[in-house]
Amino acid sequence: MGIGIDKELEEIIIKSFFNKRIQERVLFELFSQKKRDNVMNRLCHNYLDTFRKEFMIEIPTPNSDPGEIEKLMKNQGAGNDCYVISWNDTIDGKHMSLTSALKVAVGEGFPSIISCIPGKIAYFEAEQEYGSPPRFILKR
């Protein structure tokens, strides 16, 4: 779990894109060192029940090039910096460059949410089960 997690930003992400009925539970789990993994498990298999579908835009395949995804995100208004909630401890809970975050997250096979504009634009990659993992732009 990221040591310096940005609780305020994570709350904005959850309240913007997650279904209302699970928001409080997800926030409780995210902010608990022992339960943070529960959120990542939820994003592996149940992401369609987790996110508000009206804000999900699936990125059509082929979509495994971090540079192309970065261009898509920038076309939606993303800047150079982002905040990451990820299964991968090296990027979880970190503010970093969008380029670096996408290089780690894209194609890793595990879920990540890369928030570009808090509450407005994010990238989500689901768990890879077969073929390429589902990838989405989350946009409000």
N, C-alpha and C. Protein backbone atom coordinates (compact mmCIF):
# COMPACT_ATOMS: atom_id res chain seq x y z
N MET A 1 0.85 -1.19 0.00
CA MET A 1 0.00 0.00 0.00
C MET A 1 0.88 1.24 0.00
N GLY A 2 0.49 2.21 -0.79
CA GLY A 2 1.26 3.45 -0.86
C GLY A 2 1.31 4.12 0.51
N ILE A 3 2.50 4.49 0.94
CA ILE A 3 2.69 5.09 2.26
C ILE A 3 1.98 6.43 2.35
N GLY A 4 2.16 7.26 1.33
CA GLY A 4 1.62 8.61 1.40
C GLY A 4 0.32 8.76 0.63
N ILE A 5 -0.61 7.83 0.80
CA ILE A 5 -1.83 7.92 0.00
C ILE A 5 -2.53 9.26 0.22
N ASP A 6 -3.11 9.76 -0.84
CA ASP A 6 -3.80 11.04 -0.83
C ASP A 6 -5.29 10.76 -0.62
N LYS A 7 -5.69 10.73 0.65
CA LYS A 7 -7.07 10.34 0.98
C LYS A 7 -8.09 11.26 0.33
N GLU A 8 -7.80 12.54 0.32
CA GLU A 8 -8.73 13.51 -0.25
C GLU A 8 -8.98 13.21 -1.74
N LEU A 9 -7.89 12.95 -2.45
CA LEU A 9 -7.99 12.67 -3.88
C LEU A 9 -8.66 11.32 -4.13
N GLU A 10 -8.34 10.33 -3.32
CA GLU A 10 -8.96 9.01 -3.49
C GLU A 10 -10.46 9.11 -3.25
N GLU A 11 -10.86 9.93 -2.29
CA GLU A 11 -12.29 10.11 -2.02
C GLU A 11 -12.99 10.74 -3.24
N ILE A 12 -12.35 11.72 -3.87
CA ILE A 12 -12.91 12.35 -5.07
C ILE A 12 -13.08 11.30 -6.18
N ILE A 13 -12.06 10.47 -6.39
CA ILE A 13 -12.11 9.44 -7.44
C ILE A 13 -13.27 8.48 -7.18
N ILE A 14 -13.37 7.98 -5.95
CA ILE A 14 -14.42 7.01 -5.61
C ILE A 14 -15.80 7.64 -5.76
N LYS A 15 -15.96 8.85 -5.22
CA LYS A 15 -17.29 9.49 -5.27
C LYS A 15 -17.68 9.91 -6.68
N SER A 16 -16.72 10.07 -7.57
CA SER A 16 -17.01 10.48 -8.95
C SER A 16 -17.37 9.30 -9.85
N PHE A 17 -16.70 8.16 -9.65
CA PHE A 17 -16.82 7.09 -10.64
C PHE A 17 -17.43 5.79 -10.12
N PHE A 18 -17.49 5.60 -8.80
CA PHE A 18 -17.98 4.34 -8.25
C PHE A 18 -19.47 4.43 -7.95
N ASN A 19 -20.18 3.30 -8.05
CA ASN A 19 -21.60 3.25 -7.71
C ASN A 19 -21.82 3.73 -6.28
N LYS A 20 -22.85 4.54 -6.10
CA LYS A 20 -23.13 5.15 -4.79
C LYS A 20 -23.26 4.11 -3.67
N ARG A 21 -23.92 2.98 -3.97
CA ARG A 21 -24.21 2.02 -2.89
C ARG A 21 -22.96 1.39 -2.29
N ILE A 22 -21.82 1.46 -3.00
CA ILE A 22 -20.60 0.85 -2.45
C ILE A 22 -19.53 1.87 -2.08
N GLN A 23 -19.79 3.16 -2.31
CA GLN A 23 -18.74 4.17 -2.09
C GLN A 23 -18.18 4.15 -0.68
N GLU A 24 -19.04 4.17 0.34
CA GLU A 24 -18.56 4.23 1.71
C GLU A 24 -17.71 3.01 2.05
N ARG A 25 -18.16 1.84 1.61
CA ARG A 25 -17.43 0.59 1.87
C ARG A 25 -16.04 0.65 1.20
N VAL A 26 -16.03 1.08 -0.05
CA VAL A 26 -14.77 1.16 -0.79
C VAL A 26 -13.81 2.14 -0.11
N LEU A 27 -14.31 3.28 0.31
CA LEU A 27 -13.45 4.26 0.99
C LEU A 27 -12.89 3.68 2.29
N PHE A 28 -13.73 2.99 3.06
CA PHE A 28 -13.28 2.36 4.29
C PHE A 28 -12.14 1.38 3.98
N GLU A 29 -12.34 0.57 2.94
CA GLU A 29 -11.32 -0.43 2.58
C GLU A 29 -10.04 0.23 2.06
N LEU A 30 -10.18 1.26 1.23
CA LEU A 30 -9.00 1.93 0.67
C LEU A 30 -8.11 2.51 1.76
N PHE A 31 -8.75 3.07 2.80
CA PHE A 31 -7.98 3.76 3.83
C PHE A 31 -7.50 2.82 4.94
N SER A 32 -7.80 1.53 4.82
CA SER A 32 -7.34 0.55 5.79
C SER A 32 -6.18 -0.23 5.18
N GLN A 33 -5.04 -0.22 5.85
CA GLN A 33 -3.87 -0.90 5.31
C GLN A 33 -4.18 -2.39 5.07
N LYS A 34 -4.95 -3.00 5.96
CA LYS A 34 -5.26 -4.43 5.83
C LYS A 34 -6.28 -4.71 4.73
N LYS A 35 -7.18 -3.75 4.46
CA LYS A 35 -8.29 -4.02 3.55
C LYS A 35 -8.13 -3.39 2.16
N ARG A 36 -7.06 -2.63 1.94
CA ARG A 36 -6.88 -1.97 0.64
C ARG A 36 -6.93 -2.97 -0.51
N ASP A 37 -6.39 -4.16 -0.28
CA ASP A 37 -6.40 -5.20 -1.32
C ASP A 37 -7.82 -5.59 -1.72
N ASN A 38 -8.79 -5.48 -0.80
CA ASN A 38 -10.18 -5.83 -1.13
C ASN A 38 -10.68 -4.98 -2.29
N VAL A 39 -10.28 -3.71 -2.31
CA VAL A 39 -10.71 -2.81 -3.40
C VAL A 39 -10.10 -3.31 -4.71
N MET A 40 -8.84 -3.70 -4.67
CA MET A 40 -8.19 -4.18 -5.88
C MET A 40 -8.84 -5.48 -6.37
N ASN A 41 -9.23 -6.36 -5.44
CA ASN A 41 -9.93 -7.60 -5.83
C ASN A 41 -11.26 -7.27 -6.50
N ARG A 42 -11.96 -6.29 -5.96
CA ARG A 42 -13.23 -5.84 -6.51
C ARG A 42 -13.03 -5.36 -7.96
N LEU A 43 -11.91 -4.69 -8.18
CA LEU A 43 -11.63 -4.16 -9.51
C LEU A 43 -11.16 -5.24 -10.49
N CYS A 44 -10.78 -6.41 -9.96
CA CYS A 44 -10.39 -7.51 -10.84
C CYS A 44 -11.61 -8.09 -11.54
N HIS A 45 -12.62 -8.44 -10.76
CA HIS A 45 -13.72 -9.23 -11.31
C HIS A 45 -15.03 -8.48 -11.42
N ASN A 46 -15.26 -7.54 -10.55
CA ASN A 46 -16.58 -6.90 -10.48
C ASN A 46 -16.57 -5.44 -10.91
N TYR A 47 -15.63 -5.07 -11.76
CA TYR A 47 -15.52 -3.64 -12.09
C TYR A 47 -16.78 -3.10 -12.76
N LEU A 48 -17.51 -3.95 -13.49
CA LEU A 48 -18.73 -3.45 -14.14
C LEU A 48 -19.83 -3.15 -13.12
N ASP A 49 -19.76 -3.80 -11.95
CA ASP A 49 -20.70 -3.49 -10.86
C ASP A 49 -20.16 -2.39 -9.96
N THR A 50 -18.87 -2.13 -10.06
CA THR A 50 -18.21 -1.17 -9.18
C THR A 50 -18.32 0.25 -9.72
N PHE A 51 -18.02 0.40 -11.01
CA PHE A 51 -18.05 1.73 -11.63
C PHE A 51 -19.44 2.08 -12.12
N ARG A 52 -19.70 3.36 -12.22
CA ARG A 52 -20.94 3.85 -12.82
C ARG A 52 -20.78 3.76 -14.33
N LYS A 53 -21.55 2.89 -14.95
CA LYS A 53 -21.40 2.58 -16.38
C LYS A 53 -21.51 3.82 -17.27
N GLU A 54 -22.31 4.80 -16.83
CA GLU A 54 -22.49 5.98 -17.70
C GLU A 54 -21.21 6.80 -17.86
N PHE A 55 -20.21 6.54 -17.02
CA PHE A 55 -18.94 7.28 -17.12
C PHE A 55 -17.81 6.44 -17.70
N MET A 56 -18.13 5.22 -18.19
CA MET A 56 -17.10 4.33 -18.72
C MET A 56 -17.11 4.36 -20.25
N ILE A 57 -15.97 4.64 -20.84
CA ILE A 57 -15.82 4.61 -22.29
C ILE A 57 -14.76 3.54 -22.58
N GLU A 58 -15.18 2.44 -23.19
CA GLU A 58 -14.21 1.38 -23.48
C GLU A 58 -13.28 1.83 -24.60
N ILE A 59 -11.99 1.57 -24.42
CA ILE A 59 -10.99 1.89 -25.44
C ILE A 59 -10.91 0.67 -26.35
N PRO A 60 -11.27 0.83 -27.64
CA PRO A 60 -11.28 -0.34 -28.53
C PRO A 60 -9.88 -0.92 -28.74
N THR A 61 -9.82 -2.23 -28.96
CA THR A 61 -8.54 -2.88 -29.22
C THR A 61 -8.17 -2.64 -30.69
N PRO A 62 -6.89 -2.67 -31.08
CA PRO A 62 -5.74 -2.85 -30.20
C PRO A 62 -5.51 -1.58 -29.36
N ASN A 63 -5.19 -1.78 -28.10
CA ASN A 63 -5.10 -0.63 -27.19
C ASN A 63 -4.00 -0.81 -26.15
N SER A 64 -2.93 -1.50 -26.52
CA SER A 64 -1.91 -1.82 -25.52
C SER A 64 -0.69 -0.92 -25.57
N ASP A 65 -0.75 0.16 -26.34
CA ASP A 65 0.40 1.07 -26.45
C ASP A 65 0.23 2.23 -25.47
N PRO A 66 1.10 2.29 -24.44
CA PRO A 66 0.97 3.37 -23.45
C PRO A 66 0.99 4.76 -24.09
N GLY A 67 1.78 4.95 -25.15
CA GLY A 67 1.87 6.24 -25.83
C GLY A 67 0.55 6.62 -26.49
N GLU A 68 -0.12 5.64 -27.10
CA GLU A 68 -1.42 5.90 -27.74
C GLU A 68 -2.47 6.22 -26.68
N ILE A 69 -2.44 5.48 -25.56
CA ILE A 69 -3.40 5.74 -24.49
C ILE A 69 -3.16 7.13 -23.90
N GLU A 70 -1.89 7.51 -23.78
CA GLU A 70 -1.58 8.85 -23.28
C GLU A 70 -2.16 9.92 -24.21
N LYS A 71 -2.04 9.70 -25.52
CA LYS A 71 -2.61 10.66 -26.49
C LYS A 71 -4.12 10.75 -26.31
N LEU A 72 -4.78 9.59 -26.17
CA LEU A 72 -6.24 9.57 -25.95
C LEU A 72 -6.60 10.37 -24.70
N MET A 73 -5.84 10.14 -23.62
CA MET A 73 -6.12 10.83 -22.35
C MET A 73 -5.92 12.34 -22.51
N LYS A 74 -4.87 12.72 -23.22
CA LYS A 74 -4.59 14.16 -23.42
C LYS A 74 -5.67 14.79 -24.29
N ASN A 75 -6.20 14.03 -25.26
CA ASN A 75 -7.30 14.54 -26.09
C ASN A 75 -8.55 14.78 -25.23
N GLN A 76 -8.67 14.06 -24.11
CA GLN A 76 -9.81 14.24 -23.20
C GLN A 76 -9.54 15.35 -22.18
N GLY A 77 -8.34 15.93 -22.22
CA GLY A 77 -8.04 17.04 -21.33
C GLY A 77 -7.02 16.75 -20.25
N ALA A 78 -6.47 15.52 -20.23
CA ALA A 78 -5.47 15.17 -19.20
C ALA A 78 -4.21 16.01 -19.38
N GLY A 79 -3.56 16.28 -18.26
CA GLY A 79 -2.27 16.98 -18.29
C GLY A 79 -1.13 15.98 -18.20
N ASN A 80 0.03 16.43 -17.71
CA ASN A 80 1.20 15.56 -17.64
C ASN A 80 1.28 14.77 -16.34
N ASP A 81 0.49 15.17 -15.33
CA ASP A 81 0.60 14.54 -14.02
C ASP A 81 -0.67 13.78 -13.69
N CYS A 82 -0.53 12.80 -12.79
CA CYS A 82 -1.68 11.99 -12.41
C CYS A 82 -1.49 11.45 -10.99
N TYR A 83 -2.52 10.77 -10.52
CA TYR A 83 -2.48 10.08 -9.23
C TYR A 83 -2.97 8.66 -9.48
N VAL A 84 -2.32 7.68 -8.84
CA VAL A 84 -2.59 6.28 -9.16
C VAL A 84 -3.09 5.49 -7.95
N ILE A 85 -4.14 4.70 -8.19
CA ILE A 85 -4.58 3.66 -7.25
C ILE A 85 -4.35 2.36 -8.01
N SER A 86 -3.49 1.49 -7.51
CA SER A 86 -3.10 0.32 -8.30
C SER A 86 -2.81 -0.90 -7.45
N TRP A 87 -2.96 -2.04 -8.08
CA TRP A 87 -2.55 -3.32 -7.50
C TRP A 87 -1.03 -3.31 -7.33
N ASN A 88 -0.34 -2.60 -8.22
CA ASN A 88 1.12 -2.56 -8.21
C ASN A 88 1.62 -1.56 -7.16
N ASP A 89 2.29 -2.09 -6.13
CA ASP A 89 2.78 -1.27 -5.02
C ASP A 89 3.75 -0.18 -5.43
N THR A 90 4.45 -0.37 -6.55
CA THR A 90 5.44 0.64 -6.93
C THR A 90 4.80 1.94 -7.40
N ILE A 91 3.52 1.87 -7.83
CA ILE A 91 2.85 3.09 -8.27
C ILE A 91 1.62 3.43 -7.42
N ASP A 92 1.14 2.51 -6.58
CA ASP A 92 -0.07 2.75 -5.79
C ASP A 92 0.11 3.92 -4.84
N GLY A 93 -0.90 4.81 -4.83
CA GLY A 93 -0.88 5.93 -3.88
C GLY A 93 0.14 6.99 -4.21
N LYS A 94 0.54 7.08 -5.49
CA LYS A 94 1.58 8.04 -5.86
C LYS A 94 1.09 9.07 -6.86
N HIS A 95 1.60 10.30 -6.68
CA HIS A 95 1.47 11.35 -7.69
C HIS A 95 2.68 11.16 -8.60
N MET A 96 2.46 11.11 -9.90
CA MET A 96 3.58 10.89 -10.83
C MET A 96 3.22 11.38 -12.22
N SER A 97 4.17 11.25 -13.16
CA SER A 97 3.86 11.68 -14.52
C SER A 97 2.93 10.65 -15.16
N LEU A 98 2.04 11.13 -16.01
CA LEU A 98 1.12 10.24 -16.72
C LEU A 98 1.90 9.23 -17.55
N THR A 99 2.96 9.68 -18.20
CA THR A 99 3.79 8.79 -19.02
C THR A 99 4.32 7.62 -18.20
N SER A 100 4.90 7.91 -17.02
CA SER A 100 5.46 6.86 -16.16
C SER A 100 4.39 5.90 -15.66
N ALA A 101 3.26 6.45 -15.24
CA ALA A 101 2.17 5.62 -14.71
C ALA A 101 1.66 4.66 -15.77
N LEU A 102 1.44 5.16 -16.98
CA LEU A 102 0.94 4.31 -18.06
C LEU A 102 1.95 3.24 -18.45
N LYS A 103 3.24 3.58 -18.44
CA LYS A 103 4.27 2.60 -18.80
C LYS A 103 4.23 1.41 -17.84
N VAL A 104 3.95 1.67 -16.57
CA VAL A 104 3.88 0.58 -15.58
C VAL A 104 2.55 -0.15 -15.67
N ALA A 105 1.45 0.60 -15.75
CA ALA A 105 0.12 0.00 -15.62
C ALA A 105 -0.37 -0.73 -16.87
N VAL A 106 -0.07 -0.19 -18.05
CA VAL A 106 -0.63 -0.75 -19.28
C VAL A 106 0.02 -2.11 -19.57
N GLY A 107 -0.83 -3.11 -19.65
CA GLY A 107 -0.34 -4.45 -19.98
C GLY A 107 0.20 -5.23 -18.81
N GLU A 108 0.09 -4.67 -17.61
CA GLU A 108 0.62 -5.38 -16.45
C GLU A 108 -0.25 -6.58 -16.08
N GLY A 109 -1.54 -6.49 -16.43
CA GLY A 109 -2.42 -7.61 -16.14
C GLY A 109 -3.20 -7.48 -14.85
N PHE A 110 -2.97 -6.38 -14.12
CA PHE A 110 -3.68 -6.15 -12.86
C PHE A 110 -4.30 -4.77 -12.87
N PRO A 111 -5.34 -4.55 -12.05
CA PRO A 111 -6.07 -3.28 -12.14
C PRO A 111 -5.31 -2.06 -11.62
N SER A 112 -5.55 -0.96 -12.33
CA SER A 112 -5.04 0.35 -11.93
C SER A 112 -6.06 1.41 -12.34
N ILE A 113 -6.18 2.44 -11.49
CA ILE A 113 -6.94 3.63 -11.84
C ILE A 113 -5.93 4.78 -11.86
N ILE A 114 -5.84 5.46 -12.98
CA ILE A 114 -4.92 6.58 -13.11
C ILE A 114 -5.78 7.83 -13.26
N SER A 115 -5.79 8.65 -12.23
CA SER A 115 -6.62 9.85 -12.21
C SER A 115 -5.85 11.02 -12.80
N CYS A 116 -6.39 11.58 -13.89
CA CYS A 116 -5.71 12.69 -14.58
C CYS A 116 -6.27 14.04 -14.17
N ILE A 117 -7.59 14.15 -14.12
CA ILE A 117 -8.24 15.35 -13.60
C ILE A 117 -9.19 14.84 -12.53
N PRO A 118 -8.91 15.14 -11.25
CA PRO A 118 -9.70 14.57 -10.16
C PRO A 118 -11.21 14.71 -10.38
N GLY A 119 -11.88 13.56 -10.39
CA GLY A 119 -13.33 13.54 -10.52
C GLY A 119 -13.84 13.77 -11.94
N LYS A 120 -12.94 13.96 -12.90
CA LYS A 120 -13.38 14.27 -14.27
C LYS A 120 -12.87 13.26 -15.29
N ILE A 121 -11.56 12.98 -15.28
CA ILE A 121 -10.95 12.10 -16.27
C ILE A 121 -9.99 11.13 -15.57
N ALA A 122 -10.16 9.83 -15.87
CA ALA A 122 -9.24 8.82 -15.35
C ALA A 122 -9.11 7.70 -16.37
N TYR A 123 -8.07 6.91 -16.20
CA TYR A 123 -7.86 5.72 -17.02
C TYR A 123 -8.02 4.53 -16.10
N PHE A 124 -8.69 3.49 -16.57
CA PHE A 124 -8.83 2.26 -15.79
C PHE A 124 -8.47 1.07 -16.64
N GLU A 125 -7.59 0.24 -16.10
CA GLU A 125 -7.27 -1.03 -16.75
C GLU A 125 -7.68 -2.13 -15.79
N ALA A 126 -8.45 -3.10 -16.30
CA ALA A 126 -8.92 -4.21 -15.48
C ALA A 126 -7.89 -5.34 -15.49
N GLU A 127 -8.21 -6.40 -14.76
CA GLU A 127 -7.34 -7.57 -14.72
C GLU A 127 -7.39 -8.27 -16.07
N GLN A 128 -6.24 -8.82 -16.47
CA GLN A 128 -6.17 -9.57 -17.71
C GLN A 128 -6.56 -11.01 -17.43
N GLU A 129 -7.64 -11.48 -18.06
CA GLU A 129 -8.04 -12.87 -17.89
C GLU A 129 -7.65 -13.66 -19.12
N TYR A 130 -7.98 -13.16 -20.30
CA TYR A 130 -7.54 -13.76 -21.55
C TYR A 130 -7.56 -12.63 -22.57
N GLY A 131 -6.67 -12.71 -23.56
CA GLY A 131 -6.55 -11.60 -24.50
C GLY A 131 -6.06 -10.36 -23.76
N SER A 132 -6.31 -9.20 -24.35
CA SER A 132 -5.84 -7.99 -23.66
C SER A 132 -6.87 -7.60 -22.60
N PRO A 133 -6.40 -7.01 -21.49
CA PRO A 133 -7.33 -6.62 -20.43
C PRO A 133 -8.25 -5.49 -20.90
N PRO A 134 -9.47 -5.44 -20.38
CA PRO A 134 -10.35 -4.33 -20.72
C PRO A 134 -9.75 -3.01 -20.25
N ARG A 135 -9.83 -2.00 -21.11
CA ARG A 135 -9.29 -0.68 -20.77
C ARG A 135 -10.37 0.36 -21.03
N PHE A 136 -10.44 1.33 -20.12
CA PHE A 136 -11.50 2.33 -20.19
C PHE A 136 -10.98 3.73 -19.88
N ILE A 137 -11.64 4.71 -20.47
CA ILE A 137 -11.51 6.08 -20.00
C ILE A 137 -12.73 6.29 -19.10
N LEU A 138 -12.50 6.81 -17.91
CA LEU A 138 -13.59 7.18 -17.02
C LEU A 138 -13.73 8.69 -17.17
N LYS A 139 -14.92 9.14 -17.58
CA LYS A 139 -15.10 10.55 -17.87
C LYS A 139 -16.45 11.05 -17.37
N ARG A 140 -16.42 12.19 -16.68
CA ARG A 140 -17.67 12.86 -16.24
C ARG A 140 -17.79 14.20 -16.93
